[in-house]
Amino acid sequence: MAKKKFGWGLIGYGGMGNYHFEKLSLRDDVEIIGTYDINPERCKIAESKGLHAFASAEELLNDDRIDFITIATPNEFHKDYAIRAMEAGKAVISEKPVTMSSEELDEIIKCSEKTGKLFTVHQNRRWDPCYRTVKKIHDENKLGRIFRIEHRVHGSRGVPGDWRNRQPGGGMVYDWGVHLLDQMLMMMNGAKVISIYATLTHITNDEVDDGFTALIKFDNDTEWIIEVSTNNFISLPYWYVLGENGSAQIDDWKGNGTISMVTDWENKDAVPVQAGVGLTKTMAPRTDDTIDEYPTEPVESNWAEYYDNILEVLEGKAEPIVTHAQQRRLIKLIENIFTSAEENKVIDEIF
């Protein structure tokens, strides 16, 4: 029996829209029907690549050949398109962030429940090799009890000069924070957030945040520092993980880095070393016979698993791997980050 093909449509033919188009074009279980973009120039570019451009969103949503759509518009338009699409009988994948607020997200979820149509979000960075590598170190308890994880993305070009640098919908919390925070929540696997303190920066942009730092504590005694900056000219490590028996550092997107482990806790004697204008024994480096250092083993991943899951859900064979509950929690966390930064206070809330 021939494999069933699902008709796919795209709303928003920008950079990510084209990414989805190119990836789905490689599949033999998806039929590419067409796209709509509010910008006529983007429609012309789409057609130059062999992708049919609909004259309107209504025309696309009324096309019976389309089973599911991907929404890749600027963030503030996700909700309206998602609801219109589900009411038109389409399953919906939204680009991240899902919405601008938890209230908007609840409207979408209610529509999904009412229509019985799939609604999910493209959290693609769950497949980043660097994240998968750290998650494996965490899940396999390689460092002993992990008590601190630092995760940073640093750049030096400011906020891109497009919709990302204007309200509503722009800024680095929504652009990059949504990825790093999602990775954190997935790795913590249900542990409760008990406190949040965050600051925003406006070094290169007055209208939206061009970076942020968040200190987030969980009830499993793990604390995280999540940081995004667009004005760093010397970048810190992507990941820095501290465990009771060792540390790990990840230096690139591929997951390459170093693990340093204690091999002899009993050998505690240290010769004092010169530290500035004083001596220190506490901070003297460990000797080679008490430490073992080796490279990480990057974990490969296959982003195509995301759409594999979507099509299995459409066939009734699986549940979505990006769920409503996960997105509710993520958007609530983002809201708390903005509140903490704007009011300069610690948010003590368990969720």
C-alpha atoms as a PDB file:
ATOM      1  CA  MET A   1       0.000   0.000   0.000  1.00  0.00           C
ATOM      2  CA  ALA A   2       1.340   3.422  -0.933  1.00  0.00           C
ATOM      3  CA  LYS A   3       2.179   5.725   1.935  1.00  0.00           C
ATOM      4  CA  LYS A   4      -0.499   8.343   2.572  1.00  0.00           C
ATOM      5  CA  LYS A   5       0.492  11.863   1.646  1.00  0.00           C
ATOM      6  CA  PHE A   6      -0.612  14.780   3.788  1.00  0.00           C
ATOM      7  CA  GLY A   7      -1.201  18.138   2.122  1.00  0.00           C
ATOM      8  CA  TRP A   8       0.769  20.984   3.670  1.00  0.00           C
ATOM      9  CA  GLY A   9       0.382  24.753   3.527  1.00  0.00           C
ATOM     10  CA  LEU A  10       2.533  27.559   4.857  1.00  0.00           C
ATOM     11  CA  ILE A  11       1.543  30.974   6.154  1.00  0.00           C
ATOM     12  CA  GLY A  12       4.536  33.320   6.259  1.00  0.00           C
ATOM     13  CA  TYR A  13       7.256  32.757   3.685  1.00  0.00           C
ATOM     14  CA  GLY A  14      10.241  34.255   5.489  1.00  0.00           C
ATOM     15  CA  GLY A  15      13.476  32.619   6.560  1.00  0.00           C
ATOM     16  CA  MET A  16      11.895  29.955   8.770  1.00  0.00           C
ATOM     17  CA  GLY A  17       9.016  29.458   6.346  1.00  0.00           C
ATOM     18  CA  ASN A  18      11.479  28.644   3.589  1.00  0.00           C
ATOM     19  CA  TYR A  19      13.339  26.324   5.986  1.00  0.00           C
ATOM     20  CA  HIS A  20      10.160  24.304   6.572  1.00  0.00           C
ATOM     21  CA  PHE A  21       9.445  24.266   2.839  1.00  0.00           C
ATOM     22  CA  GLU A  22      12.895  22.965   1.928  1.00  0.00           C
ATOM     23  CA  LYS A  23      12.844  20.261   4.600  1.00  0.00           C
ATOM     24  CA  LEU A  24       9.325  19.059   3.850  1.00  0.00           C
ATOM     25  CA  SER A  25      10.081  19.027   0.123  1.00  0.00           C
ATOM     26  CA  LEU A  26      12.412  16.095   0.823  1.00  0.00           C
ATOM     27  CA  ARG A  27       9.646  13.908   2.275  1.00  0.00           C
ATOM     28  CA  ASP A  28       7.592  11.421   0.279  1.00  0.00           C
ATOM     29  CA  ASP A  29       4.692  11.528   2.762  1.00  0.00           C
ATOM     30  CA  VAL A  30       3.972  15.258   2.381  1.00  0.00           C
ATOM     31  CA  GLU A  31       2.458  17.046  -0.605  1.00  0.00           C
ATOM     32  CA  ILE A  32       3.475  20.708  -0.739  1.00  0.00           C
ATOM     33  CA  ILE A  33       0.344  22.677  -1.694  1.00  0.00           C
ATOM     34  CA  GLY A  34       1.390  26.297  -1.308  1.00  0.00           C
ATOM     35  CA  THR A  35       2.044  29.359   0.804  1.00  0.00           C
ATOM     36  CA  TYR A  36       0.647  32.773   1.597  1.00  0.00           C
ATOM     37  CA  ASP A  37       2.608  35.834   2.674  1.00  0.00           C
ATOM     38  CA  ILE A  38       1.252  39.328   3.222  1.00  0.00           C
ATOM     39  CA  ASN A  39       4.287  40.686   1.354  1.00  0.00           C
ATOM     40  CA  PRO A  40       3.856  40.302  -2.442  1.00  0.00           C
ATOM     41  CA  GLU A  41       7.626  40.233  -2.888  1.00  0.00           C
ATOM     42  CA  ARG A  42       7.892  37.152  -0.669  1.00  0.00           C
ATOM     43  CA  CYS A  43       5.166  35.490  -2.745  1.00  0.00           C
ATOM     44  CA  LYS A  44       7.164  36.162  -5.910  1.00  0.00           C
ATOM     45  CA  ILE A  45      10.273  34.611  -4.337  1.00  0.00           C
ATOM     46  CA  ALA A  46       8.239  31.571  -3.282  1.00  0.00           C
ATOM     47  CA  GLU A  47       6.946  31.056  -6.797  1.00  0.00           C
ATOM     48  CA  SER A  48      10.455  31.416  -8.208  1.00  0.00           C
ATOM     49  CA  LYS A  49      11.346  28.374  -6.107  1.00  0.00           C
ATOM     50  CA  GLY A  50       8.399  26.367  -7.375  1.00  0.00           C
ATOM     51  CA  LEU A  51       6.119  27.005  -4.397  1.00  0.00           C
ATOM     52  CA  HIS A  52       2.598  28.096  -5.315  1.00  0.00           C
ATOM     53  CA  ALA A  53       1.607  31.411  -3.702  1.00  0.00           C
ATOM     54  CA  PHE A  54      -2.041  31.811  -2.740  1.00  0.00           C
ATOM     55  CA  ALA A  55      -3.647  35.212  -3.230  1.00  0.00           C
ATOM     56  CA  SER A  56      -4.929  35.309   0.364  1.00  0.00           C
ATOM     57  CA  ALA A  57      -4.879  33.439   3.640  1.00  0.00           C
ATOM     58  CA  GLU A  58      -8.563  32.633   3.104  1.00  0.00           C
ATOM     59  CA  GLU A  59      -7.820  30.955  -0.214  1.00  0.00           C
ATOM     60  CA  LEU A  60      -5.133  28.810   1.407  1.00  0.00           C
ATOM     61  CA  LEU A  61      -7.286  27.863   4.390  1.00  0.00           C
ATOM     62  CA  ASN A  62     -10.225  26.933   2.138  1.00  0.00           C
ATOM     63  CA  ASP A  63      -8.133  24.560   0.032  1.00  0.00           C
ATOM     64  CA  ASP A  64      -9.394  21.048   0.799  1.00  0.00           C
ATOM     65  CA  ARG A  65      -6.097  19.486  -0.249  1.00  0.00           C
ATOM     66  CA  ILE A  66      -4.358  20.962   2.814  1.00  0.00           C
ATOM     67  CA  ASP A  67      -4.401  18.810   5.947  1.00  0.00           C
ATOM     68  CA  PHE A  68      -2.002  20.827   8.074  1.00  0.00           C
ATOM     69  CA  ILE A  69      -0.268  24.171   8.027  1.00  0.00           C
ATOM     70  CA  THR A  70       2.798  25.769   9.519  1.00  0.00           C
ATOM     71  CA  ILE A  71       2.526  29.358  10.744  1.00  0.00           C
ATOM     72  CA  ALA A  72       5.836  31.199  10.340  1.00  0.00           C
ATOM     73  CA  THR A  73       4.679  34.800  10.612  1.00  0.00           C
ATOM     74  CA  PRO A  74       5.962  37.398  13.100  1.00  0.00           C
ATOM     75  CA  ASN A  75       5.042  36.306  16.606  1.00  0.00           C
ATOM     76  CA  GLU A  76       2.043  38.565  17.270  1.00  0.00           C
ATOM     77  CA  PHE A  77       0.059  37.048  14.385  1.00  0.00           C
ATOM     78  CA  HIS A  78       0.296  33.397  15.487  1.00  0.00           C
ATOM     79  CA  LYS A  79      -2.920  33.342  17.505  1.00  0.00           C
ATOM     80  CA  ASP A  80      -5.302  34.692  14.878  1.00  0.00           C
ATOM     81  CA  TYR A  81      -3.964  32.500  12.073  1.00  0.00           C
ATOM     82  CA  ALA A  82      -3.968  29.417  14.320  1.00  0.00           C
ATOM     83  CA  ILE A  83      -7.608  29.860  15.310  1.00  0.00           C
ATOM     84  CA  ARG A  84      -8.713  30.598  11.740  1.00  0.00           C
ATOM     85  CA  ALA A  85      -6.864  27.539  10.474  1.00  0.00           C
ATOM     86  CA  MET A  86      -8.324  25.139  13.034  1.00  0.00           C
ATOM     87  CA  GLU A  87     -11.818  26.494  12.425  1.00  0.00           C
ATOM     88  CA  ALA A  88     -11.168  25.805   8.730  1.00  0.00           C
ATOM     89  CA  GLY A  89     -10.386  22.171   9.563  1.00  0.00           C
ATOM     90  CA  LYS A  90      -6.606  22.278   9.445  1.00  0.00           C
ATOM     91  CA  ALA A  91      -4.089  20.921  11.934  1.00  0.00           C
ATOM     92  CA  VAL A  92      -1.668  23.662  12.986  1.00  0.00           C
ATOM     93  CA  ILE A  93       2.022  23.963  13.735  1.00  0.00           C
ATOM     94  CA  SER A  94       3.052  27.365  15.066  1.00  0.00           C
ATOM     95  CA  GLU A  95       6.546  28.737  15.053  1.00  0.00           C
ATOM     96  CA  LYS A  96       7.843  29.728  18.463  1.00  0.00           C
ATOM     97  CA  PRO A  97       7.008  31.550  20.643  1.00  0.00           C
ATOM     98  CA  VAL A  98       3.489  30.206  20.509  1.00  0.00           C
ATOM     99  CA  THR A  99       1.880  33.511  21.605  1.00  0.00           C
ATOM    100  CA  MET A 100       2.518  36.785  23.393  1.00  0.00           C
ATOM    101  CA  SER A 101       0.656  35.736  26.555  1.00  0.00           C
ATOM    102  CA  SER A 102      -0.824  32.804  28.411  1.00  0.00           C
ATOM    103  CA  GLU A 103      -4.296  34.296  27.834  1.00  0.00           C
ATOM    104  CA  GLU A 104      -3.785  34.124  24.065  1.00  0.00           C
ATOM    105  CA  LEU A 105      -2.474  30.583  24.369  1.00  0.00           C
ATOM    106  CA  ASP A 106      -5.571  29.533  26.305  1.00  0.00           C
ATOM    107  CA  GLU A 107      -7.743  30.864  23.458  1.00  0.00           C
ATOM    108  CA  ILE A 108      -5.826  28.713  20.988  1.00  0.00           C
ATOM    109  CA  ILE A 109      -6.021  25.619  23.176  1.00  0.00           C
ATOM    110  CA  LYS A 110      -9.765  26.044  23.645  1.00  0.00           C
ATOM    111  CA  CYS A 111     -10.148  26.227  19.866  1.00  0.00           C
ATOM    112  CA  SER A 112      -8.036  23.080  19.450  1.00  0.00           C
ATOM    113  CA  GLU A 113     -10.190  21.231  21.981  1.00  0.00           C
ATOM    114  CA  LYS A 114     -13.425  22.501  20.407  1.00  0.00           C
ATOM    115  CA  THR A 115     -12.469  21.629  16.824  1.00  0.00           C
ATOM    116  CA  GLY A 116     -10.525  18.466  17.660  1.00  0.00           C
ATOM    117  CA  LYS A 117      -7.664  19.709  15.515  1.00  0.00           C
ATOM    118  CA  LEU A 118      -3.999  19.312  16.381  1.00  0.00           C
ATOM    119  CA  PHE A 119      -2.260  22.436  17.581  1.00  0.00           C
ATOM    120  CA  THR A 120       1.428  22.276  18.434  1.00  0.00           C
ATOM    121  CA  VAL A 121       4.597  24.385  18.350  1.00  0.00           C
ATOM    122  CA  HIS A 122       7.882  24.059  16.511  1.00  0.00           C
ATOM    123  CA  GLN A 123      10.390  23.818  19.379  1.00  0.00           C
ATOM    124  CA  ASN A 124      13.146  22.736  17.012  1.00  0.00           C
ATOM    125  CA  ARG A 125      16.075  23.313  19.366  1.00  0.00           C
ATOM    126  CA  ARG A 126      15.178  20.251  21.366  1.00  0.00           C
ATOM    127  CA  TRP A 127      17.234  18.593  18.624  1.00  0.00           C
ATOM    128  CA  ASP A 128      20.340  20.789  19.027  1.00  0.00           C
ATOM    129  CA  PRO A 129      23.371  18.483  19.425  1.00  0.00           C
ATOM    130  CA  CYS A 130      24.824  20.657  22.219  1.00  0.00           C
ATOM    131  CA  TYR A 131      21.574  20.377  24.189  1.00  0.00           C
ATOM    132  CA  ARG A 132      21.326  16.643  23.574  1.00  0.00           C
ATOM    133  CA  THR A 133      24.929  16.242  24.736  1.00  0.00           C
ATOM    134  CA  VAL A 134      24.318  18.072  28.015  1.00  0.00           C
ATOM    135  CA  LYS A 135      21.036  16.253  28.565  1.00  0.00           C
ATOM    136  CA  LYS A 136      22.829  12.916  28.209  1.00  0.00           C
ATOM    137  CA  ILE A 137      25.472  14.008  30.746  1.00  0.00           C
ATOM    138  CA  HIS A 138      22.658  15.075  33.092  1.00  0.00           C
ATOM    139  CA  ASP A 139      20.421  12.035  32.622  1.00  0.00           C
ATOM    140  CA  GLU A 140      23.290   9.551  32.997  1.00  0.00           C
ATOM    141  CA  ASN A 141      24.476  11.235  36.208  1.00  0.00           C
ATOM    142  CA  LYS A 142      28.003  11.476  34.812  1.00  0.00           C
ATOM    143  CA  LEU A 143      28.976  14.324  37.151  1.00  0.00           C
ATOM    144  CA  GLY A 144      27.141  13.105  40.219  1.00  0.00           C
ATOM    145  CA  ARG A 145      24.426  15.383  41.536  1.00  0.00           C
ATOM    146  CA  ILE A 146      24.262  18.445  39.300  1.00  0.00           C
ATOM    147  CA  PHE A 147      23.602  21.597  41.283  1.00  0.00           C
ATOM    148  CA  ARG A 148      24.154  24.346  38.694  1.00  0.00           C
ATOM    149  CA  ILE A 149      23.735  24.658  34.923  1.00  0.00           C
ATOM    150  CA  GLU A 150      24.654  27.775  32.967  1.00  0.00           C
ATOM    151  CA  HIS A 151      23.380  28.096  29.407  1.00  0.00           C
ATOM    152  CA  ARG A 152      24.315  31.071  27.257  1.00  0.00           C
ATOM    153  CA  VAL A 153      23.975  32.286  23.698  1.00  0.00           C
ATOM    154  CA  HIS A 154      26.162  35.288  22.903  1.00  0.00           C
ATOM    155  CA  GLY A 155      26.396  37.430  19.786  1.00  0.00           C
ATOM    156  CA  SER A 156      27.768  40.849  18.918  1.00  0.00           C
ATOM    157  CA  ARG A 157      25.437  42.204  16.206  1.00  0.00           C
ATOM    158  CA  GLY A 158      22.547  43.577  18.237  1.00  0.00           C
ATOM    159  CA  VAL A 159      18.936  42.737  17.458  1.00  0.00           C
ATOM    160  CA  PRO A 160      18.299  42.044  13.738  1.00  0.00           C
ATOM    161  CA  GLY A 161      16.784  44.996  11.904  1.00  0.00           C
ATOM    162  CA  ASP A 162      13.413  43.366  11.204  1.00  0.00           C
ATOM    163  CA  TRP A 163      10.290  42.539  13.210  1.00  0.00           C
ATOM    164  CA  ARG A 164      12.518  41.306  16.040  1.00  0.00           C
ATOM    165  CA  ASN A 165      13.430  44.857  17.023  1.00  0.00           C
ATOM    166  CA  ARG A 166       9.916  46.188  17.505  1.00  0.00           C
ATOM    167  CA  GLN A 167       6.951  45.634  19.769  1.00  0.00           C
ATOM    168  CA  PRO A 168       4.884  43.560  19.917  1.00  0.00           C
ATOM    169  CA  GLY A 169       6.583  40.251  19.411  1.00  0.00           C
ATOM    170  CA  GLY A 170      10.236  41.240  19.294  1.00  0.00           C
ATOM    171  CA  GLY A 171      13.190  41.030  21.656  1.00  0.00           C
ATOM    172  CA  MET A 172      15.575  38.330  22.734  1.00  0.00           C
ATOM    173  CA  VAL A 173      13.434  36.744  25.449  1.00  0.00           C
ATOM    174  CA  TYR A 174      10.923  35.775  22.771  1.00  0.00           C
ATOM    175  CA  ASP A 175      13.490  35.107  20.052  1.00  0.00           C
ATOM    176  CA  TRP A 176      16.175  33.066  21.822  1.00  0.00           C
ATOM    177  CA  GLY A 177      15.004  32.807  25.403  1.00  0.00           C
ATOM    178  CA  VAL A 178      12.034  30.695  24.367  1.00  0.00           C
ATOM    179  CA  HIS A 179      14.478  28.055  23.088  1.00  0.00           C
ATOM    180  CA  LEU A 180      16.843  28.020  26.054  1.00  0.00           C
ATOM    181  CA  LEU A 181      14.014  28.044  28.581  1.00  0.00           C
ATOM    182  CA  ASP A 182      12.255  25.185  26.768  1.00  0.00           C
ATOM    183  CA  GLN A 183      15.473  23.148  26.812  1.00  0.00           C
ATOM    184  CA  MET A 184      15.805  23.818  30.539  1.00  0.00           C
ATOM    185  CA  LEU A 185      12.253  22.714  31.331  1.00  0.00           C
ATOM    186  CA  MET A 186      12.661  19.556  29.263  1.00  0.00           C
ATOM    187  CA  MET A 187      15.905  18.655  30.998  1.00  0.00           C
ATOM    188  CA  MET A 188      14.406  19.260  34.449  1.00  0.00           C
ATOM    189  CA  ASN A 189      11.662  16.772  33.541  1.00  0.00           C
ATOM    190  CA  GLY A 190       8.846  18.050  35.734  1.00  0.00           C
ATOM    191  CA  ALA A 191      10.853  19.566  38.607  1.00  0.00           C
ATOM    192  CA  LYS A 192       9.041  22.618  39.981  1.00  0.00           C
ATOM    193  CA  VAL A 193      10.287  26.160  39.501  1.00  0.00           C
ATOM    194  CA  ILE A 194      10.453  27.799  42.939  1.00  0.00           C
ATOM    195  CA  SER A 195      12.035  31.188  42.202  1.00  0.00           C
ATOM    196  CA  ILE A 196      12.965  33.464  39.315  1.00  0.00           C
ATOM    197  CA  TYR A 197      15.067  36.598  39.156  1.00  0.00           C
ATOM    198  CA  ALA A 198      15.735  38.268  35.820  1.00  0.00           C
ATOM    199  CA  THR A 199      17.217  41.384  34.275  1.00  0.00           C
ATOM    200  CA  LEU A 200      16.810  42.735  30.734  1.00  0.00           C
ATOM    201  CA  THR A 201      19.312  44.775  28.724  1.00  0.00           C
ATOM    202  CA  HIS A 202      18.728  47.573  26.226  1.00  0.00           C
ATOM    203  CA  ILE A 203      22.271  48.267  25.072  1.00  0.00           C
ATOM    204  CA  THR A 204      21.604  48.397  21.330  1.00  0.00           C
ATOM    205  CA  ASN A 205      17.821  48.709  21.217  1.00  0.00           C
ATOM    206  CA  ASP A 206      15.402  50.884  23.213  1.00  0.00           C
ATOM    207  CA  GLU A 207      12.121  49.342  22.109  1.00  0.00           C
ATOM    208  CA  VAL A 208      12.763  45.674  22.925  1.00  0.00           C
ATOM    209  CA  ASP A 209      15.197  43.756  25.079  1.00  0.00           C
ATOM    210  CA  ASP A 210      18.457  42.938  23.302  1.00  0.00           C
ATOM    211  CA  GLY A 211      19.421  40.435  25.989  1.00  0.00           C
ATOM    212  CA  PHE A 212      18.502  39.047  29.378  1.00  0.00           C
ATOM    213  CA  THR A 213      19.825  37.035  32.311  1.00  0.00           C
ATOM    214  CA  ALA A 214      17.601  34.802  34.430  1.00  0.00           C
ATOM    215  CA  LEU A 215      18.464  32.907  37.618  1.00  0.00           C
ATOM    216  CA  ILE A 216      15.943  30.103  38.024  1.00  0.00           C
ATOM    217  CA  LYS A 217      15.809  27.674  40.940  1.00  0.00           C
ATOM    218  CA  PHE A 218      14.052  24.306  41.009  1.00  0.00           C
ATOM    219  CA  ASP A 219      12.778  22.202  43.880  1.00  0.00           C
ATOM    220  CA  ASN A 220      15.332  19.482  43.066  1.00  0.00           C
ATOM    221  CA  ASP A 221      18.114  21.826  44.291  1.00  0.00           C
ATOM    222  CA  THR A 222      19.281  22.675  40.772  1.00  0.00           C
ATOM    223  CA  GLU A 223      19.752  26.282  39.783  1.00  0.00           C
ATOM    224  CA  TRP A 224      20.116  27.591  36.250  1.00  0.00           C
ATOM    225  CA  ILE A 225      21.533  30.719  34.728  1.00  0.00           C
ATOM    226  CA  ILE A 226      19.991  31.401  31.324  1.00  0.00           C
ATOM    227  CA  GLU A 227      21.605  34.251  29.409  1.00  0.00           C
ATOM    228  CA  VAL A 228      21.172  35.763  25.968  1.00  0.00           C
ATOM    229  CA  SER A 229      23.240  38.728  24.828  1.00  0.00           C
ATOM    230  CA  THR A 230      23.653  40.462  21.484  1.00  0.00           C
ATOM    231  CA  ASN A 231      26.479  42.763  22.590  1.00  0.00           C
ATOM    232  CA  ASN A 232      29.189  40.282  23.653  1.00  0.00           C
ATOM    233  CA  PHE A 233      32.482  40.441  21.782  1.00  0.00           C
ATOM    234  CA  ILE A 234      34.100  37.634  23.805  1.00  0.00           C
ATOM    235  CA  SER A 235      31.637  34.781  24.208  1.00  0.00           C
ATOM    236  CA  LEU A 236      31.457  32.585  27.283  1.00  0.00           C
ATOM    237  CA  PRO A 237      30.892  28.814  26.922  1.00  0.00           C
ATOM    238  CA  TYR A 238      27.522  27.723  25.545  1.00  0.00           C
ATOM    239  CA  TRP A 239      27.037  25.364  28.478  1.00  0.00           C
ATOM    240  CA  TYR A 240      28.789  25.126  31.857  1.00  0.00           C
ATOM    241  CA  VAL A 241      27.620  22.331  34.140  1.00  0.00           C
ATOM    242  CA  LEU A 242      28.656  21.826  37.764  1.00  0.00           C
ATOM    243  CA  GLY A 243      28.223  18.500  39.550  1.00  0.00           C
ATOM    244  CA  GLU A 244      29.455  17.214  42.884  1.00  0.00           C
ATOM    245  CA  ASN A 245      32.081  15.031  41.176  1.00  0.00           C
ATOM    246  CA  GLY A 246      33.026  17.083  38.146  1.00  0.00           C
ATOM    247  CA  SER A 247      32.284  19.817  35.631  1.00  0.00           C
ATOM    248  CA  ALA A 248      31.430  19.934  31.951  1.00  0.00           C
ATOM    249  CA  GLN A 249      31.881  22.708  29.418  1.00  0.00           C
ATOM    250  CA  ILE A 250      30.333  22.767  25.938  1.00  0.00           C
ATOM    251  CA  ASP A 251      32.015  25.102  23.472  1.00  0.00           C
ATOM    252  CA  ASP A 252      29.954  24.938  20.279  1.00  0.00           C
ATOM    253  CA  TRP A 253      26.604  24.040  18.730  1.00  0.00           C
ATOM    254  CA  LYS A 254      27.853  20.556  17.884  1.00  0.00           C
ATOM    255  CA  GLY A 255      28.364  19.572  21.535  1.00  0.00           C
ATOM    256  CA  ASN A 256      32.161  19.591  21.567  1.00  0.00           C
ATOM    257  CA  GLY A 257      33.682  20.377  24.934  1.00  0.00           C
ATOM    258  CA  THR A 258      35.434  19.019  28.000  1.00  0.00           C
ATOM    259  CA  ILE A 259      34.498  16.979  31.052  1.00  0.00           C
ATOM    260  CA  SER A 260      36.701  17.171  34.138  1.00  0.00           C
ATOM    261  CA  MET A 261      36.141  14.557  36.872  1.00  0.00           C
ATOM    262  CA  VAL A 262      37.578  13.971  40.335  1.00  0.00           C
ATOM    263  CA  THR A 263      39.310  10.588  40.578  1.00  0.00           C
ATOM    264  CA  ASP A 264      40.557  10.785  44.175  1.00  0.00           C
ATOM    265  CA  TRP A 265      38.511  12.688  46.757  1.00  0.00           C
ATOM    266  CA  GLU A 266      40.752  11.447  49.592  1.00  0.00           C
ATOM    267  CA  ASN A 267      43.816  13.246  48.271  1.00  0.00           C
ATOM    268  CA  LYS A 268      42.893  16.699  49.565  1.00  0.00           C
ATOM    269  CA  ASP A 269      46.304  18.148  50.380  1.00  0.00           C
ATOM    270  CA  ALA A 270      47.360  21.064  48.243  1.00  0.00           C
ATOM    271  CA  VAL A 271      50.471  23.190  48.099  1.00  0.00           C
ATOM    272  CA  PRO A 272      49.599  26.888  48.481  1.00  0.00           C
ATOM    273  CA  VAL A 273      49.985  28.915  45.307  1.00  0.00           C
ATOM    274  CA  GLN A 274      50.561  32.601  44.742  1.00  0.00           C
ATOM    275  CA  ALA A 275      47.206  34.300  44.029  1.00  0.00           C
ATOM    276  CA  GLY A 276      47.685  37.935  43.193  1.00  0.00           C
ATOM    277  CA  VAL A 277      49.361  39.459  46.224  1.00  0.00           C
ATOM    278  CA  GLY A 278      48.455  36.587  48.533  1.00  0.00           C
ATOM    279  CA  LEU A 279      48.609  32.823  48.929  1.00  0.00           C
ATOM    280  CA  THR A 280      45.760  30.340  48.631  1.00  0.00           C
ATOM    281  CA  LYS A 281      45.450  26.685  49.399  1.00  0.00           C
ATOM    282  CA  THR A 282      41.685  26.571  48.876  1.00  0.00           C
ATOM    283  CA  MET A 283      41.906  27.667  45.257  1.00  0.00           C
ATOM    284  CA  ALA A 284      45.083  25.799  44.340  1.00  0.00           C
ATOM    285  CA  PRO A 285      44.558  23.674  41.198  1.00  0.00           C
ATOM    286  CA  ARG A 286      44.160  19.931  41.560  1.00  0.00           C
ATOM    287  CA  THR A 287      47.095  17.735  40.738  1.00  0.00           C
ATOM    288  CA  ASP A 288      47.001  15.468  37.701  1.00  0.00           C
ATOM    289  CA  ASP A 289      46.756  12.321  39.817  1.00  0.00           C
ATOM    290  CA  THR A 290      43.399  13.429  41.300  1.00  0.00           C
ATOM    291  CA  ILE A 291      41.630  14.577  38.146  1.00  0.00           C
ATOM    292  CA  ASP A 292      40.601  13.014  34.846  1.00  0.00           C
ATOM    293  CA  GLU A 293      39.865  15.235  31.861  1.00  0.00           C
ATOM    294  CA  TYR A 294      38.442  14.067  28.551  1.00  0.00           C
ATOM    295  CA  PRO A 295      36.403  15.406  25.614  1.00  0.00           C
ATOM    296  CA  THR A 296      32.640  15.219  25.492  1.00  0.00           C
ATOM    297  CA  GLU A 297      30.916  12.735  23.219  1.00  0.00           C
ATOM    298  CA  PRO A 298      28.583  14.882  21.092  1.00  0.00           C
ATOM    299  CA  VAL A 299      25.115  13.405  20.641  1.00  0.00           C
ATOM    300  CA  GLU A 300      23.817  13.486  17.091  1.00  0.00           C
ATOM    301  CA  SER A 301      20.137  14.120  16.526  1.00  0.00           C
ATOM    302  CA  ASN A 302      17.674  14.147  13.662  1.00  0.00           C
ATOM    303  CA  TRP A 303      15.356  17.142  13.463  1.00  0.00           C
ATOM    304  CA  ALA A 304      13.157  15.211  10.992  1.00  0.00           C
ATOM    305  CA  GLU A 305      11.804  13.377  14.046  1.00  0.00           C
ATOM    306  CA  TYR A 306       9.661  16.444  14.704  1.00  0.00           C
ATOM    307  CA  TYR A 307       7.676  16.084  11.497  1.00  0.00           C
ATOM    308  CA  ASP A 308       7.720  12.293  11.831  1.00  0.00           C
ATOM    309  CA  ASN A 309       5.770  12.843  15.038  1.00  0.00           C
ATOM    310  CA  ILE A 310       3.369  15.333  13.443  1.00  0.00           C
ATOM    311  CA  LEU A 311       2.426  12.916  10.675  1.00  0.00           C
ATOM    312  CA  GLU A 312       2.012  10.052  13.134  1.00  0.00           C
ATOM    313  CA  VAL A 313      -0.344  12.259  15.167  1.00  0.00           C
ATOM    314  CA  LEU A 314      -2.355  13.020  12.019  1.00  0.00           C
ATOM    315  CA  GLU A 315      -2.591   9.273  11.385  1.00  0.00           C
ATOM    316  CA  GLY A 316      -3.791   8.692  14.945  1.00  0.00           C
ATOM    317  CA  LYS A 317      -0.687   6.688  15.848  1.00  0.00           C
ATOM    318  CA  ALA A 318       1.000   9.010  18.365  1.00  0.00           C
ATOM    319  CA  GLU A 319       0.603  11.922  20.748  1.00  0.00           C
ATOM    320  CA  PRO A 320       2.309  15.275  20.067  1.00  0.00           C
ATOM    321  CA  ILE A 321       5.798  15.569  21.569  1.00  0.00           C
ATOM    322  CA  VAL A 322       5.327  19.324  22.030  1.00  0.00           C
ATOM    323  CA  THR A 323       2.253  19.556  24.225  1.00  0.00           C
ATOM    324  CA  HIS A 324      -0.183  22.227  25.349  1.00  0.00           C
ATOM    325  CA  ALA A 325       0.901  21.781  28.977  1.00  0.00           C
ATOM    326  CA  GLN A 326       4.553  22.297  28.061  1.00  0.00           C
ATOM    327  CA  GLN A 327       3.746  25.487  26.187  1.00  0.00           C
ATOM    328  CA  ARG A 328       1.551  26.830  28.992  1.00  0.00           C
ATOM    329  CA  ARG A 329       4.420  26.362  31.423  1.00  0.00           C
ATOM    330  CA  LEU A 330       6.938  27.945  29.053  1.00  0.00           C
ATOM    331  CA  ILE A 331       4.835  31.049  28.397  1.00  0.00           C
ATOM    332  CA  LYS A 332       4.115  31.428  32.121  1.00  0.00           C
ATOM    333  CA  LEU A 333       7.860  31.305  32.794  1.00  0.00           C
ATOM    334  CA  ILE A 334       8.472  34.002  30.171  1.00  0.00           C
ATOM    335  CA  GLU A 335       5.772  36.185  31.728  1.00  0.00           C
ATOM    336  CA  ASN A 336       7.432  35.818  35.121  1.00  0.00           C
ATOM    337  CA  ILE A 337      10.814  36.769  33.642  1.00  0.00           C
ATOM    338  CA  PHE A 338       9.371  40.026  32.316  1.00  0.00           C
ATOM    339  CA  THR A 339       7.640  40.723  35.654  1.00  0.00           C
ATOM    340  CA  SER A 340      10.816  40.074  37.636  1.00  0.00           C
ATOM    341  CA  ALA A 341      12.878  42.348  35.389  1.00  0.00           C
ATOM    342  CA  GLU A 342      10.325  45.154  35.241  1.00  0.00           C
ATOM    343  CA  GLU A 343       9.676  45.157  39.003  1.00  0.00           C
ATOM    344  CA  ASN A 344      13.250  44.249  40.013  1.00  0.00           C
ATOM    345  CA  LYS A 345      12.150  41.472  42.330  1.00  0.00           C
ATOM    346  CA  VAL A 346      12.440  37.756  42.909  1.00  0.00           C
ATOM    347  CA  ILE A 347       9.334  35.849  41.845  1.00  0.00           C
ATOM    348  CA  ASP A 348       8.671  33.141  44.423  1.00  0.00           C
ATOM    349  CA  GLU A 349       6.181  30.937  42.693  1.00  0.00           C
ATOM    350  CA  ILE A 350       5.948  27.194  42.338  1.00  0.00           C
ATOM    351  CA  PHE A 351       4.757  25.946  38.974  1.00  0.00           C
END
